[in-house]
Amino acid sequence: MLKRMFIAVVLITGLAGFSSTRAFGEPASPAAREREAWQKEFDEICSRTQDAMSLSQEELATLIQRADALLPQIEKLDETRKKVYMGRLRMCRGLYEYVLESKKNEKK
């Protein structure tokens, strides 16, 4: 019972996402913060693919620009992660570009 309560508290407070390699409350290294920043941006960009058809042309154009701006950061990753995230980002960007072009053609 105590173990279940502990697990619930950990999940509720979000402590499960903290790295076990650093002390609790210790700030992340600059490299870790940079890594977290690109990962957060990647997640925000690619999380909207299911809603792509309902997005405005301006929103789609902004997501495409954000994807383009994120590429240099992903290119700095190790080869395996670079290959995975570049592929995923290209797919997200490609979908947004396709939807944007179809919306532009609809208006003609």
N, C-alpha and C. Protein backbone atom coordinates (compact mmCIF):
# COMPACT_ATOMS: atom_id res chain seq x y z
N MET A 1 0.83 -1.19 0.00
CA MET A 1 0.00 0.00 0.00
C MET A 1 0.88 1.25 0.00
N LEU A 2 1.91 1.25 0.84
CA LEU A 2 2.81 2.40 0.91
C LEU A 2 3.53 2.60 -0.42
N LYS A 3 3.90 1.50 -1.06
CA LYS A 3 4.58 1.58 -2.34
C LYS A 3 3.68 2.22 -3.39
N ARG A 4 2.41 1.86 -3.41
CA ARG A 4 1.47 2.44 -4.36
C ARG A 4 1.30 3.94 -4.12
N MET A 5 1.25 4.33 -2.86
CA MET A 5 1.11 5.75 -2.53
C MET A 5 2.33 6.52 -3.01
N PHE A 6 3.51 5.94 -2.80
CA PHE A 6 4.74 6.59 -3.24
C PHE A 6 4.74 6.77 -4.75
N ILE A 7 4.36 5.73 -5.48
CA ILE A 7 4.32 5.80 -6.94
C ILE A 7 3.32 6.87 -7.38
N ALA A 8 2.17 6.93 -6.73
CA ALA A 8 1.17 7.95 -7.08
C ALA A 8 1.70 9.35 -6.85
N VAL A 9 2.39 9.55 -5.73
CA VAL A 9 2.95 10.87 -5.43
C VAL A 9 4.01 11.24 -6.47
N VAL A 10 4.84 10.30 -6.83
CA VAL A 10 5.88 10.55 -7.83
C VAL A 10 5.25 10.93 -9.16
N LEU A 11 4.24 10.21 -9.58
CA LEU A 11 3.59 10.50 -10.85
C LEU A 11 2.86 11.84 -10.82
N ILE A 12 2.18 12.12 -9.73
CA ILE A 12 1.43 13.36 -9.63
C ILE A 12 2.35 14.57 -9.62
N THR A 13 3.43 14.50 -8.90
CA THR A 13 4.34 15.65 -8.80
C THR A 13 5.28 15.76 -9.99
N GLY A 14 5.30 14.75 -10.84
CA GLY A 14 6.12 14.81 -12.03
C GLY A 14 7.58 14.48 -11.78
N LEU A 15 7.89 13.90 -10.66
CA LEU A 15 9.28 13.58 -10.37
C LEU A 15 9.80 12.45 -11.23
N ALA A 16 8.92 11.70 -11.85
CA ALA A 16 9.36 10.58 -12.69
C ALA A 16 10.18 11.06 -13.88
N GLY A 17 10.01 12.30 -14.30
CA GLY A 17 10.74 12.82 -15.44
C GLY A 17 12.12 13.35 -15.13
N PHE A 18 12.46 13.48 -13.84
CA PHE A 18 13.77 13.99 -13.47
C PHE A 18 14.85 12.94 -13.69
N SER A 19 15.99 13.38 -14.08
CA SER A 19 17.13 12.48 -14.28
C SER A 19 17.64 12.00 -12.93
N SER A 20 17.91 10.72 -12.85
CA SER A 20 18.42 10.17 -11.59
C SER A 20 19.92 10.44 -11.43
N THR A 21 20.56 11.03 -12.43
CA THR A 21 22.00 11.26 -12.35
C THR A 21 22.36 12.58 -11.70
N ARG A 22 21.38 13.43 -11.43
CA ARG A 22 21.69 14.69 -10.77
C ARG A 22 20.88 14.81 -9.49
N ALA A 23 21.39 15.56 -8.57
CA ALA A 23 20.73 15.72 -7.28
C ALA A 23 19.43 16.49 -7.45
N PHE A 24 18.46 16.18 -6.60
CA PHE A 24 17.17 16.85 -6.65
C PHE A 24 17.36 18.35 -6.43
N GLY A 25 16.78 19.15 -7.31
CA GLY A 25 16.87 20.59 -7.17
C GLY A 25 18.11 21.21 -7.80
N GLU A 26 19.05 20.39 -8.20
CA GLU A 26 20.27 20.90 -8.83
C GLU A 26 19.95 21.32 -10.26
N PRO A 27 20.37 22.51 -10.66
CA PRO A 27 20.05 22.96 -12.02
C PRO A 27 20.72 22.09 -13.07
N ALA A 28 20.06 21.93 -14.19
CA ALA A 28 20.63 21.15 -15.29
C ALA A 28 21.80 21.91 -15.89
N SER A 29 22.70 21.17 -16.50
CA SER A 29 23.84 21.80 -17.16
C SER A 29 23.35 22.59 -18.37
N PRO A 30 24.16 23.53 -18.85
CA PRO A 30 23.75 24.29 -20.04
C PRO A 30 23.47 23.38 -21.24
N ALA A 31 24.26 22.33 -21.41
CA ALA A 31 24.03 21.40 -22.51
C ALA A 31 22.69 20.68 -22.35
N ALA A 32 22.35 20.31 -21.12
CA ALA A 32 21.08 19.64 -20.87
C ALA A 32 19.91 20.58 -21.11
N ARG A 33 20.06 21.84 -20.71
CA ARG A 33 18.99 22.81 -20.96
C ARG A 33 18.80 23.03 -22.46
N GLU A 34 19.91 23.08 -23.21
CA GLU A 34 19.82 23.25 -24.66
C GLU A 34 19.12 22.05 -25.28
N ARG A 35 19.49 20.86 -24.81
CA ARG A 35 18.88 19.64 -25.31
C ARG A 35 17.38 19.65 -25.02
N GLU A 36 17.02 20.05 -23.83
CA GLU A 36 15.61 20.11 -23.46
C GLU A 36 14.87 21.15 -24.29
N ALA A 37 15.53 22.24 -24.63
CA ALA A 37 14.89 23.30 -25.40
C ALA A 37 14.55 22.82 -26.81
N TRP A 38 15.48 22.16 -27.49
CA TRP A 38 15.19 21.69 -28.85
C TRP A 38 14.15 20.59 -28.81
N GLN A 39 14.20 19.75 -27.79
CA GLN A 39 13.23 18.65 -27.67
C GLN A 39 11.82 19.21 -27.46
N LYS A 40 11.72 20.23 -26.63
CA LYS A 40 10.43 20.87 -26.38
C LYS A 40 9.90 21.50 -27.66
N GLU A 41 10.76 22.20 -28.38
CA GLU A 41 10.36 22.83 -29.65
C GLU A 41 9.93 21.76 -30.65
N PHE A 42 10.68 20.67 -30.74
CA PHE A 42 10.34 19.57 -31.64
C PHE A 42 8.95 19.03 -31.30
N ASP A 43 8.73 18.78 -30.01
CA ASP A 43 7.44 18.24 -29.56
C ASP A 43 6.30 19.20 -29.89
N GLU A 44 6.53 20.49 -29.69
CA GLU A 44 5.49 21.47 -29.97
C GLU A 44 5.17 21.55 -31.47
N ILE A 45 6.20 21.47 -32.29
CA ILE A 45 5.99 21.54 -33.74
C ILE A 45 5.24 20.31 -34.23
N CYS A 46 5.71 19.14 -33.87
CA CYS A 46 5.14 17.90 -34.41
C CYS A 46 3.86 17.45 -33.72
N SER A 47 3.50 18.09 -32.63
CA SER A 47 2.28 17.68 -31.92
C SER A 47 1.01 18.16 -32.61
N ARG A 48 1.14 19.00 -33.61
CA ARG A 48 -0.04 19.59 -34.25
C ARG A 48 -0.39 18.92 -35.58
N THR A 49 0.26 17.83 -35.91
CA THR A 49 0.02 17.20 -37.22
C THR A 49 -1.41 16.69 -37.37
N GLN A 50 -2.01 16.19 -36.31
CA GLN A 50 -3.38 15.68 -36.41
C GLN A 50 -4.38 16.81 -36.66
N ASP A 51 -4.02 18.02 -36.29
CA ASP A 51 -4.91 19.17 -36.46
C ASP A 51 -4.55 20.00 -37.69
N ALA A 52 -3.67 19.50 -38.52
CA ALA A 52 -3.12 20.30 -39.62
C ALA A 52 -4.22 20.88 -40.52
N MET A 53 -5.24 20.14 -40.80
CA MET A 53 -6.30 20.62 -41.70
C MET A 53 -7.10 21.77 -41.09
N SER A 54 -7.13 21.84 -39.78
CA SER A 54 -7.92 22.91 -39.13
C SER A 54 -7.08 24.16 -38.85
N LEU A 55 -5.78 24.09 -39.12
CA LEU A 55 -4.92 25.24 -38.88
C LEU A 55 -5.04 26.26 -40.00
N SER A 56 -4.85 27.52 -39.66
CA SER A 56 -4.89 28.57 -40.68
C SER A 56 -3.60 28.53 -41.50
N GLN A 57 -3.61 29.22 -42.62
CA GLN A 57 -2.42 29.29 -43.46
C GLN A 57 -1.26 29.93 -42.70
N GLU A 58 -1.56 30.92 -41.90
CA GLU A 58 -0.52 31.59 -41.12
C GLU A 58 0.09 30.65 -40.09
N GLU A 59 -0.76 29.87 -39.43
CA GLU A 59 -0.25 28.91 -38.44
C GLU A 59 0.62 27.86 -39.10
N LEU A 60 0.19 27.38 -40.26
CA LEU A 60 0.97 26.39 -41.00
C LEU A 60 2.32 26.96 -41.43
N ALA A 61 2.31 28.19 -41.93
CA ALA A 61 3.56 28.83 -42.36
C ALA A 61 4.50 29.01 -41.17
N THR A 62 3.95 29.35 -40.03
CA THR A 62 4.77 29.52 -38.82
C THR A 62 5.39 28.19 -38.40
N LEU A 63 4.61 27.12 -38.44
CA LEU A 63 5.14 25.80 -38.07
C LEU A 63 6.24 25.36 -39.03
N ILE A 64 6.08 25.67 -40.31
CA ILE A 64 7.12 25.34 -41.30
C ILE A 64 8.39 26.13 -41.00
N GLN A 65 8.26 27.41 -40.69
CA GLN A 65 9.43 28.23 -40.35
C GLN A 65 10.11 27.71 -39.09
N ARG A 66 9.32 27.34 -38.09
CA ARG A 66 9.89 26.82 -36.84
C ARG A 66 10.64 25.51 -37.10
N ALA A 67 10.09 24.67 -37.98
CA ALA A 67 10.76 23.41 -38.32
C ALA A 67 12.09 23.69 -39.01
N ASP A 68 12.09 24.65 -39.92
CA ASP A 68 13.33 25.02 -40.61
C ASP A 68 14.37 25.55 -39.62
N ALA A 69 13.92 26.33 -38.65
CA ALA A 69 14.84 26.91 -37.67
C ALA A 69 15.40 25.84 -36.71
N LEU A 70 14.68 24.76 -36.53
CA LEU A 70 15.11 23.70 -35.62
C LEU A 70 16.13 22.76 -36.25
N LEU A 71 16.17 22.69 -37.55
CA LEU A 71 17.08 21.77 -38.25
C LEU A 71 18.54 21.88 -37.80
N PRO A 72 19.13 23.08 -37.70
CA PRO A 72 20.54 23.15 -37.30
C PRO A 72 20.82 22.54 -35.92
N GLN A 73 19.87 22.64 -35.01
CA GLN A 73 20.07 22.05 -33.68
C GLN A 73 20.03 20.53 -33.76
N ILE A 74 19.15 20.00 -34.57
CA ILE A 74 19.05 18.55 -34.71
C ILE A 74 20.27 17.99 -35.43
N GLU A 75 20.84 18.77 -36.35
CA GLU A 75 22.04 18.32 -37.07
C GLU A 75 23.24 18.14 -36.15
N LYS A 76 23.21 18.72 -34.97
CA LYS A 76 24.32 18.60 -34.01
C LYS A 76 24.24 17.32 -33.18
N LEU A 77 23.15 16.57 -33.28
CA LEU A 77 22.97 15.36 -32.47
C LEU A 77 23.86 14.23 -32.98
N ASP A 78 23.99 13.18 -32.16
CA ASP A 78 24.72 12.00 -32.61
C ASP A 78 23.97 11.39 -33.80
N GLU A 79 24.66 10.58 -34.59
CA GLU A 79 24.12 10.10 -35.86
C GLU A 79 22.77 9.40 -35.74
N THR A 80 22.60 8.55 -34.75
CA THR A 80 21.34 7.81 -34.61
C THR A 80 20.19 8.75 -34.31
N ARG A 81 20.34 9.59 -33.30
CA ARG A 81 19.26 10.51 -32.93
C ARG A 81 19.02 11.51 -34.05
N LYS A 82 20.09 11.95 -34.69
CA LYS A 82 19.97 12.89 -35.81
C LYS A 82 19.10 12.29 -36.91
N LYS A 83 19.37 11.05 -37.26
CA LYS A 83 18.63 10.38 -38.32
C LYS A 83 17.14 10.25 -37.96
N VAL A 84 16.87 9.87 -36.73
CA VAL A 84 15.49 9.69 -36.30
C VAL A 84 14.74 11.01 -36.27
N TYR A 85 15.31 12.01 -35.58
CA TYR A 85 14.61 13.28 -35.42
C TYR A 85 14.54 14.09 -36.71
N MET A 86 15.55 13.99 -37.56
CA MET A 86 15.50 14.68 -38.85
C MET A 86 14.37 14.09 -39.70
N GLY A 87 14.27 12.77 -39.70
CA GLY A 87 13.21 12.12 -40.46
C GLY A 87 11.84 12.51 -39.96
N ARG A 88 11.67 12.50 -38.66
CA ARG A 88 10.37 12.85 -38.09
C ARG A 88 10.04 14.32 -38.36
N LEU A 89 11.03 15.20 -38.22
CA LEU A 89 10.78 16.62 -38.46
C LEU A 89 10.45 16.87 -39.92
N ARG A 90 11.13 16.18 -40.83
CA ARG A 90 10.83 16.32 -42.26
C ARG A 90 9.40 15.89 -42.57
N MET A 91 8.95 14.81 -41.92
CA MET A 91 7.58 14.35 -42.14
C MET A 91 6.57 15.38 -41.63
N CYS A 92 6.81 15.92 -40.45
CA CYS A 92 5.91 16.93 -39.89
C CYS A 92 5.87 18.15 -40.81
N ARG A 93 7.05 18.62 -41.18
CA ARG A 93 7.15 19.80 -42.03
C ARG A 93 6.49 19.54 -43.38
N GLY A 94 6.73 18.37 -43.93
CA GLY A 94 6.14 18.01 -45.22
C GLY A 94 4.62 18.00 -45.18
N LEU A 95 4.07 17.50 -44.11
CA LEU A 95 2.62 17.49 -43.96
C LEU A 95 2.09 18.92 -43.91
N TYR A 96 2.72 19.76 -43.09
CA TYR A 96 2.28 21.15 -42.99
C TYR A 96 2.38 21.85 -44.35
N GLU A 97 3.45 21.59 -45.06
CA GLU A 97 3.64 22.22 -46.37
C GLU A 97 2.58 21.75 -47.36
N TYR A 98 2.28 20.46 -47.34
CA TYR A 98 1.25 19.91 -48.22
C TYR A 98 -0.11 20.54 -47.92
N VAL A 99 -0.48 20.61 -46.65
CA VAL A 99 -1.77 21.18 -46.26
C VAL A 99 -1.82 22.66 -46.63
N LEU A 100 -0.72 23.37 -46.41
CA LEU A 100 -0.67 24.79 -46.76
C LEU A 100 -0.88 24.99 -48.25
N GLU A 101 -0.19 24.19 -49.06
CA GLU A 101 -0.34 24.30 -50.51
C GLU A 101 -1.77 23.96 -50.94
N SER A 102 -2.37 22.94 -50.33
CA SER A 102 -3.75 22.62 -50.71
C SER A 102 -4.72 23.71 -50.31
N LYS A 103 -4.47 24.36 -49.19
CA LYS A 103 -5.34 25.46 -48.79
C LYS A 103 -5.17 26.66 -49.72
N LYS A 104 -3.95 26.89 -50.18
CA LYS A 104 -3.72 27.99 -51.13
C LYS A 104 -4.42 27.70 -52.46
N ASN A 105 -4.36 26.43 -52.91
CA ASN A 105 -4.99 26.05 -54.16
C ASN A 105 -6.51 26.07 -54.06
N GLU A 106 -7.04 25.83 -52.88
CA GLU A 106 -8.49 25.89 -52.67
C GLU A 106 -9.04 27.27 -52.93
N LYS A 107 -8.28 28.28 -52.53
CA LYS A 107 -8.72 29.66 -52.65
C LYS A 107 -8.71 30.15 -54.10
N LYS A 108 -8.00 29.45 -54.97
CA LYS A 108 -7.89 29.89 -56.37
C LYS A 108 -9.13 29.53 -57.15
